[in-house]
Amino acid sequence: MKKTSSLQDAKEQQIRKLLAPYPDSMCRSEFREACHIGTRTSLYLLHSGLVPFVHSGKKTQPYQIAKADVAAYLRRRESDPEYYTPPSGWYKNFPKHKVPPAPAVRRLDDKTVDRKSVRRYFEEQLAPYPDLLTVAQISELTGYSRNVVSRWCCTGRLKAFTHQPKIYVPKLWMLDFLLSEEYNAITRKCRKHCSMIQEILWLEHKRLSSVGNV
């Protein structure tokens, strides 16, 4: 156990050292440079939603990628490289390829994933956050803008209370919302929400595969 912990600590230090020279919001060229990946790979990761980004609206450097999301990519790439493997033909057809389509599965149901697995996933996502979440923290967690989160709270979609001038959501209420059909049924899901759905499905696939091999 101690050996595993030491290896994880060493990997975290390596990632922090690697990303230290870069800003908190990285452009695509910085993302490529830090992760030692090519143009085609970076486009696949971004447009497929595997690495979240915000579109700046500018013609030059339109991608804004949070350093925390780059660090998460580097961690998982080390242990689960297959998760980031582009579909067959992606490199061969570049640059005439089409942008990866939106995930085929844009909502979760009992036919595709066990609800207990979904709950565990969101509990893990919430673990680093305090017991009372602010609008900014919920925005960071979900990928939706602060305006959208505030609207959820003000309309009662997401249970919250106000302690002027801030809005707070207890972690348990946030978990209930993430597991609700209200959240699952959002039509225009943000890129991070879609990415989470794909990750949940991937983890469920791996879980079922491991059970089948027992």
C-alpha atoms as a PDB file:
ATOM      1  CA  MET A   1       0.000   0.000   0.000  1.00  0.00           C
ATOM      2  CA  LYS A   2       2.808   2.427   0.958  1.00  0.00           C
ATOM      3  CA  LYS A   3       4.633   1.646  -2.266  1.00  0.00           C
ATOM      4  CA  THR A   4       1.511   2.422  -4.315  1.00  0.00           C
ATOM      5  CA  SER A   5       0.999   5.667  -2.395  1.00  0.00           C
ATOM      6  CA  SER A   6       4.618   6.659  -2.990  1.00  0.00           C
ATOM      7  CA  LEU A   7       4.267   6.012  -6.717  1.00  0.00           C
ATOM      8  CA  GLN A   8       1.103   8.121  -6.856  1.00  0.00           C
ATOM      9  CA  ASP A   9       2.795  10.969  -4.975  1.00  0.00           C
ATOM     10  CA  ALA A  10       5.759  10.818  -7.345  1.00  0.00           C
ATOM     11  CA  LYS A  11       3.410  10.914 -10.349  1.00  0.00           C
ATOM     12  CA  GLU A  12       1.562  13.920  -8.926  1.00  0.00           C
ATOM     13  CA  GLN A  13       4.821  15.760  -8.368  1.00  0.00           C
ATOM     14  CA  GLN A  14       5.879  14.959 -11.920  1.00  0.00           C
ATOM     15  CA  ILE A  15       2.595  16.337 -13.317  1.00  0.00           C
ATOM     16  CA  ARG A  16       2.812  19.498 -11.189  1.00  0.00           C
ATOM     17  CA  LYS A  17       6.388  20.084 -12.321  1.00  0.00           C
ATOM     18  CA  LEU A  18       5.456  19.479 -15.958  1.00  0.00           C
ATOM     19  CA  LEU A  19       2.529  21.919 -15.881  1.00  0.00           C
ATOM     20  CA  ALA A  20       4.136  24.567 -13.655  1.00  0.00           C
ATOM     21  CA  PRO A  21       5.364  26.760 -16.559  1.00  0.00           C
ATOM     22  CA  TYR A  22       1.901  26.960 -18.100  1.00  0.00           C
ATOM     23  CA  PRO A  23      -1.011  29.293 -17.252  1.00  0.00           C
ATOM     24  CA  ASP A  24      -4.165  28.068 -15.506  1.00  0.00           C
ATOM     25  CA  SER A  25      -6.025  28.460 -18.821  1.00  0.00           C
ATOM     26  CA  MET A  26      -3.978  26.803 -21.564  1.00  0.00           C
ATOM     27  CA  CYS A  27      -4.343  27.189 -25.317  1.00  0.00           C
ATOM     28  CA  ARG A  28      -4.246  24.165 -27.618  1.00  0.00           C
ATOM     29  CA  SER A  29      -0.574  24.598 -28.549  1.00  0.00           C
ATOM     30  CA  GLU A  30       0.357  24.657 -24.841  1.00  0.00           C
ATOM     31  CA  PHE A  31      -1.818  21.592 -24.263  1.00  0.00           C
ATOM     32  CA  ARG A  32      -0.071  19.757 -27.103  1.00  0.00           C
ATOM     33  CA  GLU A  33       3.384  20.787 -25.897  1.00  0.00           C
ATOM     34  CA  ALA A  34       2.780  19.832 -22.263  1.00  0.00           C
ATOM     35  CA  CYS A  35       1.291  16.435 -23.118  1.00  0.00           C
ATOM     36  CA  HIS A  36       3.630  15.674 -26.036  1.00  0.00           C
ATOM     37  CA  ILE A  37       0.799  14.979 -28.461  1.00  0.00           C
ATOM     38  CA  GLY A  38       0.200  15.991 -32.073  1.00  0.00           C
ATOM     39  CA  THR A  39      -2.403  18.211 -33.696  1.00  0.00           C
ATOM     40  CA  ARG A  40      -4.669  15.324 -34.699  1.00  0.00           C
ATOM     41  CA  THR A  41      -4.673  13.790 -31.237  1.00  0.00           C
ATOM     42  CA  SER A  42      -5.361  17.131 -29.545  1.00  0.00           C
ATOM     43  CA  LEU A  43      -8.322  17.820 -31.844  1.00  0.00           C
ATOM     44  CA  TYR A  44      -9.780  14.403 -31.141  1.00  0.00           C
ATOM     45  CA  LEU A  45      -9.443  14.798 -27.365  1.00  0.00           C
ATOM     46  CA  LEU A  46     -11.040  18.249 -27.383  1.00  0.00           C
ATOM     47  CA  HIS A  47     -13.841  17.758 -29.891  1.00  0.00           C
ATOM     48  CA  SER A  48     -14.845  14.378 -28.489  1.00  0.00           C
ATOM     49  CA  GLY A  49     -15.256  15.923 -25.038  1.00  0.00           C
ATOM     50  CA  LEU A  50     -12.603  13.725 -23.425  1.00  0.00           C
ATOM     51  CA  VAL A  51     -10.706  16.858 -22.379  1.00  0.00           C
ATOM     52  CA  PRO A  52     -13.097  19.743 -21.606  1.00  0.00           C
ATOM     53  CA  PHE A  53     -12.471  23.224 -22.981  1.00  0.00           C
ATOM     54  CA  VAL A  54     -14.149  26.595 -23.280  1.00  0.00           C
ATOM     55  CA  HIS A  55     -14.403  28.255 -26.691  1.00  0.00           C
ATOM     56  CA  SER A  56     -13.089  31.812 -26.437  1.00  0.00           C
ATOM     57  CA  GLY A  57     -14.909  32.950 -29.581  1.00  0.00           C
ATOM     58  CA  LYS A  58     -11.649  34.169 -31.087  1.00  0.00           C
ATOM     59  CA  LYS A  59     -10.322  33.064 -34.472  1.00  0.00           C
ATOM     60  CA  THR A  60      -6.834  32.622 -33.039  1.00  0.00           C
ATOM     61  CA  GLN A  61      -6.370  30.392 -30.005  1.00  0.00           C
ATOM     62  CA  PRO A  62     -10.087  29.618 -29.617  1.00  0.00           C
ATOM     63  CA  TYR A  63      -9.471  26.815 -27.109  1.00  0.00           C
ATOM     64  CA  GLN A  64      -9.190  27.551 -23.395  1.00  0.00           C
ATOM     65  CA  ILE A  65      -8.277  24.410 -21.462  1.00  0.00           C
ATOM     66  CA  ALA A  66      -8.106  24.412 -17.675  1.00  0.00           C
ATOM     67  CA  LYS A  67      -4.783  23.208 -16.317  1.00  0.00           C
ATOM     68  CA  ALA A  68      -6.692  21.006 -13.849  1.00  0.00           C
ATOM     69  CA  ASP A  69      -8.343  19.197 -16.777  1.00  0.00           C
ATOM     70  CA  VAL A  70      -4.954  18.697 -18.441  1.00  0.00           C
ATOM     71  CA  ALA A  71      -3.622  17.220 -15.195  1.00  0.00           C
ATOM     72  CA  ALA A  72      -6.631  14.878 -15.009  1.00  0.00           C
ATOM     73  CA  TYR A  73      -5.959  13.776 -18.593  1.00  0.00           C
ATOM     74  CA  LEU A  74      -2.291  13.036 -17.817  1.00  0.00           C
ATOM     75  CA  ARG A  75      -3.217  11.017 -14.731  1.00  0.00           C
ATOM     76  CA  ARG A  76      -5.733   8.844 -16.520  1.00  0.00           C
ATOM     77  CA  ARG A  77      -3.647   8.481 -19.673  1.00  0.00           C
ATOM     78  CA  GLU A  78      -1.002   6.798 -17.565  1.00  0.00           C
ATOM     79  CA  SER A  79      -3.332   4.158 -16.134  1.00  0.00           C
ATOM     80  CA  ASP A  80      -5.989   3.858 -18.838  1.00  0.00           C
ATOM     81  CA  PRO A  81      -4.553   4.853 -22.255  1.00  0.00           C
ATOM     82  CA  GLU A  82      -7.238   2.924 -24.146  1.00  0.00           C
ATOM     83  CA  TYR A  83      -9.854   5.400 -22.905  1.00  0.00           C
ATOM     84  CA  TYR A  84      -8.265   8.101 -25.089  1.00  0.00           C
ATOM     85  CA  THR A  85      -7.659   6.008 -28.202  1.00  0.00           C
ATOM     86  CA  PRO A  86      -9.231   7.635 -31.310  1.00  0.00           C
ATOM     87  CA  PRO A  87     -11.591   5.559 -33.465  1.00  0.00           C
ATOM     88  CA  SER A  88     -10.227   3.557 -36.363  1.00  0.00           C
ATOM     89  CA  GLY A  89      -9.336   5.731 -39.342  1.00  0.00           C
ATOM     90  CA  TRP A  90      -9.044   8.977 -37.378  1.00  0.00           C
ATOM     91  CA  TYR A  91      -5.391   9.558 -38.257  1.00  0.00           C
ATOM     92  CA  LYS A  92      -5.595   8.063 -41.734  1.00  0.00           C
ATOM     93  CA  ASN A  93      -8.366  10.385 -42.886  1.00  0.00           C
ATOM     94  CA  PHE A  94      -7.002  13.568 -41.331  1.00  0.00           C
ATOM     95  CA  PRO A  95      -7.414  16.399 -42.316  1.00  0.00           C
ATOM     96  CA  LYS A  96     -10.512  15.300 -44.281  1.00  0.00           C
ATOM     97  CA  HIS A  97     -12.059  13.680 -41.231  1.00  0.00           C
ATOM     98  CA  LYS A  98     -15.264  14.941 -39.727  1.00  0.00           C
ATOM     99  CA  VAL A  99     -15.283  16.394 -36.258  1.00  0.00           C
ATOM    100  CA  PRO A 100     -16.149  13.608 -33.799  1.00  0.00           C
ATOM    101  CA  PRO A 101     -19.915  13.510 -33.401  1.00  0.00           C
ATOM    102  CA  ALA A 102     -21.576  14.286 -30.115  1.00  0.00           C
ATOM    103  CA  PRO A 103     -21.677  11.187 -27.912  1.00  0.00           C
ATOM    104  CA  ALA A 104     -24.355   8.783 -29.110  1.00  0.00           C
ATOM    105  CA  VAL A 105     -25.567   8.344 -25.535  1.00  0.00           C
ATOM    106  CA  ARG A 106     -26.469  11.752 -24.098  1.00  0.00           C
ATOM    107  CA  ARG A 107     -28.370  10.549 -21.046  1.00  0.00           C
ATOM    108  CA  LEU A 108     -28.146   7.702 -18.575  1.00  0.00           C
ATOM    109  CA  ASP A 109     -30.794   5.085 -17.953  1.00  0.00           C
ATOM    110  CA  ASP A 110     -31.090   1.779 -16.160  1.00  0.00           C
ATOM    111  CA  LYS A 111     -30.544  -0.111 -19.411  1.00  0.00           C
ATOM    112  CA  THR A 112     -27.064   1.316 -19.937  1.00  0.00           C
ATOM    113  CA  VAL A 113     -25.668   1.673 -16.426  1.00  0.00           C
ATOM    114  CA  ASP A 114     -26.328   0.563 -12.861  1.00  0.00           C
ATOM    115  CA  ARG A 115     -27.659   3.441 -10.732  1.00  0.00           C
ATOM    116  CA  LYS A 116     -25.342   2.496  -7.878  1.00  0.00           C
ATOM    117  CA  SER A 117     -22.395   2.976 -10.218  1.00  0.00           C
ATOM    118  CA  VAL A 118     -23.675   6.426 -11.160  1.00  0.00           C
ATOM    119  CA  ARG A 119     -24.025   7.361  -7.502  1.00  0.00           C
ATOM    120  CA  ARG A 120     -20.486   6.185  -6.709  1.00  0.00           C
ATOM    121  CA  TYR A 121     -19.132   8.178  -9.634  1.00  0.00           C
ATOM    122  CA  PHE A 122     -20.742  11.445  -8.548  1.00  0.00           C
ATOM    123  CA  GLU A 123     -19.783  10.846  -4.909  1.00  0.00           C
ATOM    124  CA  GLU A 124     -16.162  10.601  -6.065  1.00  0.00           C
ATOM    125  CA  GLN A 125     -16.521  13.783  -8.129  1.00  0.00           C
ATOM    126  CA  LEU A 126     -17.927  15.614  -5.099  1.00  0.00           C
ATOM    127  CA  ALA A 127     -15.366  14.259  -2.624  1.00  0.00           C
ATOM    128  CA  PRO A 128     -12.790  17.083  -3.016  1.00  0.00           C
ATOM    129  CA  TYR A 129     -15.412  19.782  -2.416  1.00  0.00           C
ATOM    130  CA  PRO A 130     -16.562  21.214   0.947  1.00  0.00           C
ATOM    131  CA  ASP A 131     -19.878  20.313   2.551  1.00  0.00           C
ATOM    132  CA  LEU A 132     -21.373  23.609   1.309  1.00  0.00           C
ATOM    133  CA  LEU A 133     -20.772  24.366  -2.361  1.00  0.00           C
ATOM    134  CA  THR A 134     -20.815  27.835  -3.897  1.00  0.00           C
ATOM    135  CA  VAL A 135     -22.125  28.681  -7.363  1.00  0.00           C
ATOM    136  CA  ALA A 136     -18.529  28.929  -8.606  1.00  0.00           C
ATOM    137  CA  GLN A 137     -17.683  25.451  -7.287  1.00  0.00           C
ATOM    138  CA  ILE A 138     -20.813  23.925  -8.823  1.00  0.00           C
ATOM    139  CA  SER A 139     -19.915  25.574 -12.128  1.00  0.00           C
ATOM    140  CA  GLU A 140     -16.440  24.036 -11.915  1.00  0.00           C
ATOM    141  CA  LEU A 141     -17.873  20.626 -11.034  1.00  0.00           C
ATOM    142  CA  THR A 142     -20.544  20.463 -13.736  1.00  0.00           C
ATOM    143  CA  GLY A 143     -19.053  22.548 -16.537  1.00  0.00           C
ATOM    144  CA  TYR A 144     -22.118  24.794 -16.753  1.00  0.00           C
ATOM    145  CA  SER A 145     -21.727  28.565 -16.431  1.00  0.00           C
ATOM    146  CA  ARG A 146     -22.321  30.397 -13.161  1.00  0.00           C
ATOM    147  CA  ASN A 147     -25.391  32.056 -14.685  1.00  0.00           C
ATOM    148  CA  VAL A 148     -26.901  28.670 -15.463  1.00  0.00           C
ATOM    149  CA  VAL A 149     -26.144  27.365 -11.957  1.00  0.00           C
ATOM    150  CA  SER A 150     -27.643  30.501 -10.376  1.00  0.00           C
ATOM    151  CA  ARG A 151     -30.762  30.013 -12.502  1.00  0.00           C
ATOM    152  CA  TRP A 152     -31.054  26.405 -11.311  1.00  0.00           C
ATOM    153  CA  CYS A 153     -30.987  27.648  -7.728  1.00  0.00           C
ATOM    154  CA  CYS A 154     -33.314  30.625  -8.201  1.00  0.00           C
ATOM    155  CA  THR A 155     -35.959  28.537  -9.992  1.00  0.00           C
ATOM    156  CA  GLY A 156     -35.799  25.734  -7.442  1.00  0.00           C
ATOM    157  CA  ARG A 157     -34.439  23.117  -9.830  1.00  0.00           C
ATOM    158  CA  LEU A 158     -31.421  22.825  -7.539  1.00  0.00           C
ATOM    159  CA  LYS A 159     -32.227  23.163  -3.826  1.00  0.00           C
ATOM    160  CA  ALA A 160     -30.152  25.905  -2.246  1.00  0.00           C
ATOM    161  CA  PHE A 161     -30.171  28.549   0.468  1.00  0.00           C
ATOM    162  CA  THR A 162     -28.882  32.097   0.490  1.00  0.00           C
ATOM    163  CA  HIS A 163     -26.510  33.623   3.012  1.00  0.00           C
ATOM    164  CA  GLN A 164     -26.133  37.096   1.568  1.00  0.00           C
ATOM    165  CA  PRO A 165     -24.613  37.716  -0.782  1.00  0.00           C
ATOM    166  CA  LYS A 166     -23.819  34.090  -1.673  1.00  0.00           C
ATOM    167  CA  ILE A 167     -25.864  31.047  -2.623  1.00  0.00           C
ATOM    168  CA  TYR A 168     -24.915  27.743  -1.025  1.00  0.00           C
ATOM    169  CA  VAL A 169     -25.848  24.160  -1.848  1.00  0.00           C
ATOM    170  CA  PRO A 170     -25.184  21.364   0.681  1.00  0.00           C
ATOM    171  CA  LYS A 171     -23.231  18.529  -0.855  1.00  0.00           C
ATOM    172  CA  LEU A 172     -26.064  16.046  -0.222  1.00  0.00           C
ATOM    173  CA  TRP A 173     -28.521  18.263  -2.134  1.00  0.00           C
ATOM    174  CA  MET A 174     -26.008  18.580  -4.957  1.00  0.00           C
ATOM    175  CA  LEU A 175     -25.662  14.793  -5.140  1.00  0.00           C
ATOM    176  CA  ASP A 176     -29.446  14.400  -5.268  1.00  0.00           C
ATOM    177  CA  PHE A 177     -29.585  16.864  -8.160  1.00  0.00           C
ATOM    178  CA  LEU A 178     -26.808  15.121 -10.110  1.00  0.00           C
ATOM    179  CA  LEU A 179     -28.685  11.830  -9.735  1.00  0.00           C
ATOM    180  CA  SER A 180     -32.062  13.331 -10.630  1.00  0.00           C
ATOM    181  CA  GLU A 181     -33.951  12.966 -13.882  1.00  0.00           C
ATOM    182  CA  GLU A 182     -34.051  16.782 -13.933  1.00  0.00           C
ATOM    183  CA  TYR A 183     -30.269  16.889 -14.447  1.00  0.00           C
ATOM    184  CA  ASN A 184     -30.196  13.791 -16.661  1.00  0.00           C
ATOM    185  CA  ALA A 185     -32.855  15.251 -18.960  1.00  0.00           C
ATOM    186  CA  ILE A 186     -31.010  18.492 -19.753  1.00  0.00           C
ATOM    187  CA  THR A 187     -31.291  18.728 -23.535  1.00  0.00           C
ATOM    188  CA  ARG A 188     -28.413  21.036 -24.346  1.00  0.00           C
ATOM    189  CA  LYS A 189     -25.743  19.419 -22.222  1.00  0.00           C
ATOM    190  CA  CYS A 190     -22.390  21.132 -21.857  1.00  0.00           C
ATOM    191  CA  ARG A 191     -19.242  19.400 -23.073  1.00  0.00           C
ATOM    192  CA  LYS A 192     -18.171  18.389 -19.559  1.00  0.00           C
ATOM    193  CA  HIS A 193     -21.579  16.837 -18.818  1.00  0.00           C
ATOM    194  CA  CYS A 194     -21.328  14.746 -22.005  1.00  0.00           C
ATOM    195  CA  SER A 195     -17.776  13.778 -21.081  1.00  0.00           C
ATOM    196  CA  MET A 196     -18.954  12.611 -17.652  1.00  0.00           C
ATOM    197  CA  ILE A 197     -21.646  10.461 -19.255  1.00  0.00           C
ATOM    198  CA  GLN A 198     -19.085   8.827 -21.516  1.00  0.00           C
ATOM    199  CA  GLU A 199     -16.774   8.219 -18.572  1.00  0.00           C
ATOM    200  CA  ILE A 200     -19.553   6.630 -16.513  1.00  0.00           C
ATOM    201  CA  LEU A 201     -20.402   4.330 -19.427  1.00  0.00           C
ATOM    202  CA  TRP A 202     -16.743   3.445 -19.904  1.00  0.00           C
ATOM    203  CA  LEU A 203     -16.292   2.615 -16.213  1.00  0.00           C
ATOM    204  CA  GLU A 204     -19.458   0.521 -16.278  1.00  0.00           C
ATOM    205  CA  HIS A 205     -18.171  -1.336 -19.344  1.00  0.00           C
ATOM    206  CA  LYS A 206     -14.900  -2.083 -17.564  1.00  0.00           C
ATOM    207  CA  ARG A 207     -16.750  -3.202 -14.431  1.00  0.00           C
ATOM    208  CA  LEU A 208     -18.965  -5.597 -16.358  1.00  0.00           C
ATOM    209  CA  SER A 209     -15.972  -6.920 -18.309  1.00  0.00           C
ATOM    210  CA  SER A 210     -14.081  -7.642 -15.094  1.00  0.00           C
ATOM    211  CA  VAL A 211     -17.133  -9.399 -13.627  1.00  0.00           C
ATOM    212  CA  GLY A 212     -17.469 -11.494 -16.775  1.00  0.00           C
ATOM    213  CA  ASN A 213     -13.826 -12.563 -16.533  1.00  0.00           C
ATOM    214  CA  VAL A 214     -14.141 -13.762 -12.953  1.00  0.00           C
END
